Amino acid sequence: MLSYADSPDLYRWQGKGNAGTDRNGEGPKAFRWKGKYWLVEDVWAGQGACSSDDCTNCKPQEGVLPGNHGDVVVSGDRAYFFFFGNERRAGGPRSIPINVVELSAVDGKLVPQALSEPTYIDLKPEREPEK
């Protein structure tokens, strides 16, 4: 289970409990996009996701995003989800490709584009203002 702590100075920390989900997971990625806070975590059968308006009360979404140990890069109003895939070549060494898909926010859920579609990345230097 993911937990979190707060610190007024990065030296003294106070544990705050669970990070809003009741799933076991690792490799969390928290980010702000489209007016919400999002959390993506590796749940060993894909990536679990949840959203929050206040960064405290998290609403888990059903289903999982693809891959393992993902990261999200927000660029302007677009978000790109980078993740590890897992592929074995017959008789050859194991290769672990890094994949990327563009995300959409639909009805409060993160939705990846189809894995079979090409992803065109257009990174912008602007960020959404911090709140």
N, C-alpha and C. Protein backbone atom coordinates (compact mmCIF):
# COMPACT_ATOMS: atom_id res chain seq x y z
N MET A 1 0.83 -1.17 0.00
CA MET A 1 0.00 0.00 0.00
C MET A 1 0.89 1.25 0.00
N LEU A 2 0.55 2.23 -0.79
CA LEU A 2 1.31 3.48 -0.83
C LEU A 2 0.94 4.36 0.35
N SER A 3 1.95 4.93 0.97
CA SER A 3 1.75 5.86 2.08
C SER A 3 2.41 7.17 1.73
N TYR A 4 2.08 8.21 2.52
CA TYR A 4 2.71 9.49 2.27
C TYR A 4 3.00 10.20 3.59
N ALA A 5 3.88 11.19 3.53
CA ALA A 5 4.26 11.98 4.69
C ALA A 5 4.39 13.44 4.27
N ASP A 6 4.21 14.34 5.22
CA ASP A 6 4.38 15.78 4.99
C ASP A 6 5.56 16.29 5.80
N SER A 7 6.19 17.34 5.28
CA SER A 7 7.31 17.96 5.99
C SER A 7 7.25 19.47 5.81
N PRO A 8 7.45 20.22 6.87
CA PRO A 8 7.49 21.67 6.73
C PRO A 8 8.85 22.17 6.23
N ASP A 9 9.89 21.32 6.33
CA ASP A 9 11.25 21.78 6.02
C ASP A 9 12.14 20.73 5.34
N LEU A 10 11.60 19.59 5.00
CA LEU A 10 12.31 18.46 4.39
C LEU A 10 13.30 17.79 5.34
N TYR A 11 13.26 18.14 6.63
CA TYR A 11 14.07 17.47 7.65
C TYR A 11 13.19 16.71 8.65
N ARG A 12 12.08 17.30 9.03
CA ARG A 12 11.14 16.68 9.95
C ARG A 12 9.93 16.20 9.15
N TRP A 13 9.56 14.93 9.34
CA TRP A 13 8.48 14.33 8.57
C TRP A 13 7.41 13.77 9.48
N GLN A 14 6.17 13.87 9.04
CA GLN A 14 5.05 13.30 9.78
C GLN A 14 4.28 12.37 8.84
N GLY A 15 4.22 11.07 9.21
CA GLY A 15 3.46 10.11 8.42
C GLY A 15 1.98 10.46 8.40
N LYS A 16 1.36 10.36 7.24
CA LYS A 16 -0.05 10.73 7.09
C LYS A 16 -0.95 9.55 6.73
N GLY A 17 -0.36 8.37 6.52
CA GLY A 17 -1.19 7.20 6.23
C GLY A 17 -1.20 6.84 4.76
N ASN A 18 -2.27 6.19 4.35
CA ASN A 18 -2.39 5.72 2.97
C ASN A 18 -2.55 6.87 2.00
N ALA A 19 -2.03 6.67 0.81
CA ALA A 19 -2.06 7.71 -0.23
C ALA A 19 -3.33 7.64 -1.06
N GLY A 20 -4.44 7.31 -0.45
CA GLY A 20 -5.72 7.40 -1.13
C GLY A 20 -6.15 6.17 -1.89
N THR A 21 -5.34 5.13 -1.92
CA THR A 21 -5.78 3.92 -2.62
C THR A 21 -5.73 2.74 -1.66
N ASP A 22 -6.48 1.70 -1.95
CA ASP A 22 -6.43 0.50 -1.12
C ASP A 22 -5.74 -0.65 -1.85
N ARG A 23 -5.02 -0.31 -2.91
CA ARG A 23 -4.30 -1.32 -3.68
C ARG A 23 -2.84 -1.37 -3.23
N ASN A 24 -2.22 -2.51 -3.41
CA ASN A 24 -0.78 -2.59 -3.25
C ASN A 24 -0.16 -2.14 -4.55
N GLY A 25 0.93 -1.40 -4.45
CA GLY A 25 1.58 -0.92 -5.66
C GLY A 25 2.95 -0.36 -5.34
N GLU A 26 3.65 0.03 -6.39
CA GLU A 26 4.98 0.61 -6.24
C GLU A 26 5.23 1.56 -7.41
N GLY A 27 6.31 2.31 -7.31
CA GLY A 27 6.69 3.22 -8.39
C GLY A 27 5.64 4.27 -8.68
N PRO A 28 5.11 4.97 -7.66
CA PRO A 28 4.04 5.93 -7.92
C PRO A 28 4.52 7.15 -8.69
N LYS A 29 3.63 7.69 -9.47
CA LYS A 29 3.87 8.94 -10.19
C LYS A 29 2.66 9.82 -9.94
N ALA A 30 2.86 10.95 -9.26
CA ALA A 30 1.79 11.91 -9.03
C ALA A 30 2.02 13.12 -9.92
N PHE A 31 0.95 13.65 -10.50
CA PHE A 31 1.09 14.81 -11.37
C PHE A 31 -0.23 15.57 -11.42
N ARG A 32 -0.16 16.82 -11.84
CA ARG A 32 -1.34 17.67 -12.00
C ARG A 32 -1.56 17.88 -13.49
N TRP A 33 -2.82 17.69 -13.92
CA TRP A 33 -3.14 17.84 -15.34
C TRP A 33 -4.65 17.99 -15.48
N LYS A 34 -5.07 18.85 -16.37
CA LYS A 34 -6.50 19.06 -16.66
C LYS A 34 -7.28 19.42 -15.39
N GLY A 35 -6.65 20.21 -14.50
CA GLY A 35 -7.34 20.67 -13.31
C GLY A 35 -7.50 19.66 -12.20
N LYS A 36 -6.87 18.49 -12.31
CA LYS A 36 -6.95 17.44 -11.29
C LYS A 36 -5.55 16.98 -10.93
N TYR A 37 -5.48 16.31 -9.79
CA TYR A 37 -4.28 15.58 -9.41
C TYR A 37 -4.50 14.13 -9.80
N TRP A 38 -3.45 13.50 -10.31
CA TRP A 38 -3.52 12.11 -10.75
C TRP A 38 -2.41 11.32 -10.08
N LEU A 39 -2.65 10.04 -9.86
CA LEU A 39 -1.64 9.13 -9.34
C LEU A 39 -1.67 7.87 -10.19
N VAL A 40 -0.52 7.49 -10.70
CA VAL A 40 -0.37 6.25 -11.46
C VAL A 40 0.63 5.40 -10.67
N GLU A 41 0.32 4.13 -10.48
CA GLU A 41 1.19 3.24 -9.72
C GLU A 41 1.21 1.86 -10.35
N ASP A 42 2.37 1.21 -10.26
CA ASP A 42 2.52 -0.14 -10.78
C ASP A 42 1.83 -1.10 -9.81
N VAL A 43 0.81 -1.81 -10.29
CA VAL A 43 0.08 -2.77 -9.45
C VAL A 43 0.36 -4.21 -9.89
N TRP A 44 1.45 -4.41 -10.61
CA TRP A 44 1.99 -5.70 -11.04
C TRP A 44 1.16 -6.39 -12.09
N ALA A 45 0.02 -5.87 -12.44
CA ALA A 45 -0.78 -6.41 -13.53
C ALA A 45 -1.16 -5.24 -14.44
N GLY A 46 -0.28 -4.26 -14.51
CA GLY A 46 -0.54 -3.03 -15.23
C GLY A 46 -0.35 -1.86 -14.28
N GLN A 47 -0.86 -0.71 -14.68
CA GLN A 47 -0.73 0.51 -13.89
C GLN A 47 -2.11 0.93 -13.39
N GLY A 48 -2.25 1.00 -12.07
CA GLY A 48 -3.48 1.52 -11.49
C GLY A 48 -3.46 3.03 -11.56
N ALA A 49 -4.62 3.66 -11.61
CA ALA A 49 -4.70 5.12 -11.68
C ALA A 49 -5.83 5.61 -10.79
N CYS A 50 -5.65 6.82 -10.26
CA CYS A 50 -6.73 7.47 -9.53
C CYS A 50 -6.61 8.97 -9.72
N SER A 51 -7.69 9.68 -9.39
CA SER A 51 -7.71 11.14 -9.53
C SER A 51 -8.20 11.76 -8.24
N SER A 52 -7.85 13.06 -8.07
CA SER A 52 -8.25 13.77 -6.87
C SER A 52 -8.38 15.26 -7.19
N ASP A 53 -9.33 15.90 -6.54
CA ASP A 53 -9.46 17.35 -6.67
C ASP A 53 -8.59 18.08 -5.66
N ASP A 54 -8.28 17.41 -4.53
CA ASP A 54 -7.56 18.09 -3.46
C ASP A 54 -6.24 17.43 -3.07
N CYS A 55 -5.81 16.42 -3.79
CA CYS A 55 -4.56 15.70 -3.55
C CYS A 55 -4.60 14.90 -2.24
N THR A 56 -5.78 14.72 -1.68
CA THR A 56 -5.94 13.94 -0.46
C THR A 56 -6.95 12.82 -0.65
N ASN A 57 -8.11 13.14 -1.16
CA ASN A 57 -9.16 12.15 -1.38
C ASN A 57 -9.07 11.66 -2.82
N CYS A 58 -8.64 10.43 -2.96
CA CYS A 58 -8.35 9.88 -4.28
C CYS A 58 -9.46 8.94 -4.72
N LYS A 59 -9.88 9.06 -6.00
CA LYS A 59 -10.91 8.20 -6.58
C LYS A 59 -10.24 7.22 -7.53
N PRO A 60 -10.09 5.93 -7.12
CA PRO A 60 -9.47 4.95 -8.03
C PRO A 60 -10.35 4.70 -9.25
N GLN A 61 -9.71 4.49 -10.39
CA GLN A 61 -10.48 4.13 -11.57
C GLN A 61 -10.39 2.64 -11.78
N GLU A 62 -11.44 2.09 -12.36
CA GLU A 62 -11.47 0.66 -12.65
C GLU A 62 -10.52 0.36 -13.79
N GLY A 63 -10.03 -0.87 -13.82
CA GLY A 63 -9.14 -1.29 -14.88
C GLY A 63 -7.74 -0.75 -14.66
N VAL A 64 -6.86 -1.07 -15.59
CA VAL A 64 -5.48 -0.65 -15.48
C VAL A 64 -4.98 -0.06 -16.79
N LEU A 65 -3.96 0.78 -16.68
CA LEU A 65 -3.24 1.27 -17.85
C LEU A 65 -2.19 0.20 -18.20
N PRO A 66 -1.66 0.23 -19.41
CA PRO A 66 -0.72 -0.82 -19.81
C PRO A 66 0.65 -0.67 -19.15
N GLY A 67 1.42 -1.76 -19.18
CA GLY A 67 2.83 -1.72 -18.84
C GLY A 67 3.15 -1.73 -17.37
N ASN A 68 4.42 -1.43 -17.09
CA ASN A 68 4.96 -1.41 -15.74
C ASN A 68 5.78 -0.14 -15.54
N HIS A 69 5.85 0.29 -14.29
CA HIS A 69 6.66 1.43 -13.86
C HIS A 69 6.60 2.60 -14.84
N GLY A 70 5.42 3.16 -14.94
CA GLY A 70 5.19 4.25 -15.88
C GLY A 70 5.59 5.61 -15.33
N ASP A 71 5.68 6.54 -16.23
CA ASP A 71 5.93 7.94 -15.91
C ASP A 71 5.09 8.77 -16.86
N VAL A 72 4.68 9.94 -16.42
CA VAL A 72 3.86 10.81 -17.24
C VAL A 72 4.58 12.13 -17.43
N VAL A 73 4.65 12.58 -18.67
CA VAL A 73 5.20 13.89 -19.00
C VAL A 73 4.05 14.75 -19.49
N VAL A 74 3.79 15.83 -18.75
CA VAL A 74 2.74 16.76 -19.14
C VAL A 74 3.39 17.89 -19.93
N SER A 75 2.83 18.17 -21.08
CA SER A 75 3.35 19.23 -21.95
C SER A 75 2.17 20.05 -22.45
N GLY A 76 2.03 21.25 -21.87
CA GLY A 76 0.86 22.06 -22.21
C GLY A 76 -0.40 21.35 -21.77
N ASP A 77 -1.35 21.14 -22.68
CA ASP A 77 -2.58 20.45 -22.32
C ASP A 77 -2.55 18.97 -22.70
N ARG A 78 -1.36 18.46 -23.05
CA ARG A 78 -1.23 17.06 -23.45
C ARG A 78 -0.41 16.29 -22.41
N ALA A 79 -0.66 15.00 -22.30
CA ALA A 79 0.09 14.16 -21.38
C ALA A 79 0.52 12.89 -22.11
N TYR A 80 1.77 12.53 -21.90
CA TYR A 80 2.36 11.35 -22.54
C TYR A 80 2.74 10.35 -21.46
N PHE A 81 2.33 9.11 -21.64
CA PHE A 81 2.56 8.05 -20.66
C PHE A 81 3.65 7.13 -21.19
N PHE A 82 4.80 7.16 -20.53
CA PHE A 82 5.93 6.30 -20.87
C PHE A 82 5.91 5.11 -19.91
N PHE A 83 6.12 3.91 -20.43
CA PHE A 83 6.08 2.73 -19.56
C PHE A 83 6.93 1.62 -20.15
N PHE A 84 7.33 0.70 -19.27
CA PHE A 84 8.07 -0.48 -19.70
C PHE A 84 7.08 -1.52 -20.18
N GLY A 85 7.43 -2.15 -21.29
CA GLY A 85 6.69 -3.32 -21.75
C GLY A 85 7.51 -4.52 -21.34
N ASN A 86 7.08 -5.70 -21.72
CA ASN A 86 7.85 -6.90 -21.37
C ASN A 86 7.72 -7.87 -22.53
N GLU A 87 8.82 -8.17 -23.15
CA GLU A 87 8.78 -8.97 -24.37
C GLU A 87 9.95 -9.95 -24.36
N ARG A 88 9.70 -11.18 -24.76
CA ARG A 88 10.77 -12.18 -24.89
C ARG A 88 10.88 -12.56 -26.36
N ARG A 89 12.11 -12.65 -26.79
CA ARG A 89 12.35 -13.14 -28.15
C ARG A 89 12.64 -14.63 -28.07
N ALA A 90 12.05 -15.40 -28.97
CA ALA A 90 12.25 -16.85 -28.97
C ALA A 90 13.74 -17.17 -29.10
N GLY A 91 14.26 -17.85 -28.09
CA GLY A 91 15.66 -18.27 -28.13
C GLY A 91 16.66 -17.14 -27.94
N GLY A 92 16.20 -15.93 -27.74
CA GLY A 92 17.11 -14.80 -27.61
C GLY A 92 17.03 -14.15 -26.25
N PRO A 93 17.79 -13.10 -26.08
CA PRO A 93 17.76 -12.41 -24.79
C PRO A 93 16.45 -11.67 -24.58
N ARG A 94 16.15 -11.43 -23.35
CA ARG A 94 14.95 -10.67 -23.00
C ARG A 94 15.19 -9.20 -23.33
N SER A 95 14.21 -8.58 -23.95
CA SER A 95 14.30 -7.15 -24.20
C SER A 95 13.14 -6.47 -23.50
N ILE A 96 13.39 -5.30 -22.99
CA ILE A 96 12.35 -4.56 -22.30
C ILE A 96 12.20 -3.21 -22.98
N PRO A 97 11.25 -3.11 -23.91
CA PRO A 97 11.07 -1.85 -24.63
C PRO A 97 10.41 -0.79 -23.76
N ILE A 98 10.70 0.46 -24.06
CA ILE A 98 10.00 1.58 -23.45
C ILE A 98 8.97 2.04 -24.46
N ASN A 99 7.73 2.10 -24.03
CA ASN A 99 6.61 2.48 -24.89
C ASN A 99 6.09 3.85 -24.47
N VAL A 100 5.37 4.50 -25.36
CA VAL A 100 4.73 5.77 -25.04
C VAL A 100 3.39 5.84 -25.76
N VAL A 101 2.38 6.32 -25.03
CA VAL A 101 1.07 6.60 -25.61
C VAL A 101 0.60 7.95 -25.06
N GLU A 102 -0.23 8.62 -25.82
CA GLU A 102 -0.82 9.86 -25.32
C GLU A 102 -2.04 9.51 -24.48
N LEU A 103 -2.23 10.27 -23.40
CA LEU A 103 -3.37 10.07 -22.52
C LEU A 103 -4.47 11.09 -22.82
N SER A 104 -5.69 10.69 -22.55
CA SER A 104 -6.83 11.59 -22.55
C SER A 104 -7.46 11.50 -21.16
N ALA A 105 -8.14 12.56 -20.76
CA ALA A 105 -8.93 12.53 -19.53
C ALA A 105 -10.39 12.51 -19.95
N VAL A 106 -11.07 11.39 -19.67
CA VAL A 106 -12.46 11.21 -20.10
C VAL A 106 -13.29 10.80 -18.88
N ASP A 107 -14.26 11.62 -18.53
CA ASP A 107 -15.15 11.34 -17.40
C ASP A 107 -14.37 11.04 -16.11
N GLY A 108 -13.31 11.82 -15.87
CA GLY A 108 -12.53 11.66 -14.64
C GLY A 108 -11.60 10.47 -14.64
N LYS A 109 -11.31 9.90 -15.81
CA LYS A 109 -10.43 8.74 -15.90
C LYS A 109 -9.33 8.99 -16.92
N LEU A 110 -8.16 8.40 -16.68
CA LEU A 110 -7.08 8.43 -17.67
C LEU A 110 -7.32 7.35 -18.70
N VAL A 111 -7.29 7.72 -19.96
CA VAL A 111 -7.53 6.78 -21.04
C VAL A 111 -6.35 6.85 -22.00
N PRO A 112 -5.61 5.74 -22.17
CA PRO A 112 -4.50 5.75 -23.13
C PRO A 112 -5.00 5.57 -24.54
N GLN A 113 -4.27 6.15 -25.49
CA GLN A 113 -4.61 5.89 -26.89
C GLN A 113 -4.35 4.42 -27.19
N ALA A 114 -4.83 3.93 -28.29
CA ALA A 114 -4.62 2.53 -28.68
C ALA A 114 -3.13 2.26 -28.85
N LEU A 115 -2.66 1.15 -28.30
CA LEU A 115 -1.24 0.81 -28.40
C LEU A 115 -0.79 0.60 -29.83
N SER A 116 -1.72 0.27 -30.70
CA SER A 116 -1.36 0.03 -32.10
C SER A 116 -1.20 1.32 -32.90
N GLU A 117 -1.63 2.45 -32.34
CA GLU A 117 -1.55 3.74 -33.04
C GLU A 117 -0.20 4.41 -32.76
N PRO A 118 0.36 5.11 -33.74
CA PRO A 118 1.61 5.84 -33.49
C PRO A 118 1.36 7.02 -32.55
N THR A 119 2.37 7.36 -31.76
CA THR A 119 2.29 8.50 -30.85
C THR A 119 3.23 9.58 -31.36
N TYR A 120 2.70 10.77 -31.56
CA TYR A 120 3.50 11.90 -32.00
C TYR A 120 3.66 12.84 -30.81
N ILE A 121 4.88 13.04 -30.37
CA ILE A 121 5.17 13.83 -29.18
C ILE A 121 5.56 15.23 -29.59
N ASP A 122 4.93 16.20 -28.95
CA ASP A 122 5.22 17.60 -29.20
C ASP A 122 5.39 18.28 -27.84
N LEU A 123 6.62 18.26 -27.31
CA LEU A 123 6.87 18.81 -25.98
C LEU A 123 6.97 20.32 -26.02
N LYS A 124 6.30 20.96 -25.09
CA LYS A 124 6.27 22.42 -24.97
C LYS A 124 7.01 22.83 -23.71
N PRO A 125 7.61 24.02 -23.70
CA PRO A 125 8.32 24.46 -22.49
C PRO A 125 7.39 24.96 -21.39
N GLU A 126 6.10 25.18 -21.68
CA GLU A 126 5.18 25.70 -20.68
C GLU A 126 4.65 24.59 -19.80
N ARG A 127 4.36 24.94 -18.54
CA ARG A 127 3.73 24.02 -17.60
C ARG A 127 2.44 24.63 -17.11
N GLU A 128 1.54 23.77 -16.64
CA GLU A 128 0.33 24.25 -15.99
C GLU A 128 0.76 24.92 -14.70
N PRO A 129 0.21 26.09 -14.36
CA PRO A 129 0.60 26.78 -13.13
C PRO A 129 0.36 25.92 -11.90
N GLU A 130 1.27 25.99 -10.94
CA GLU A 130 1.12 25.27 -9.66
C GLU A 130 0.00 25.91 -8.87
N LYS A 131 -0.72 25.12 -8.10
CA LYS A 131 -1.82 25.62 -7.27
C LYS A 131 -1.49 25.38 -5.83
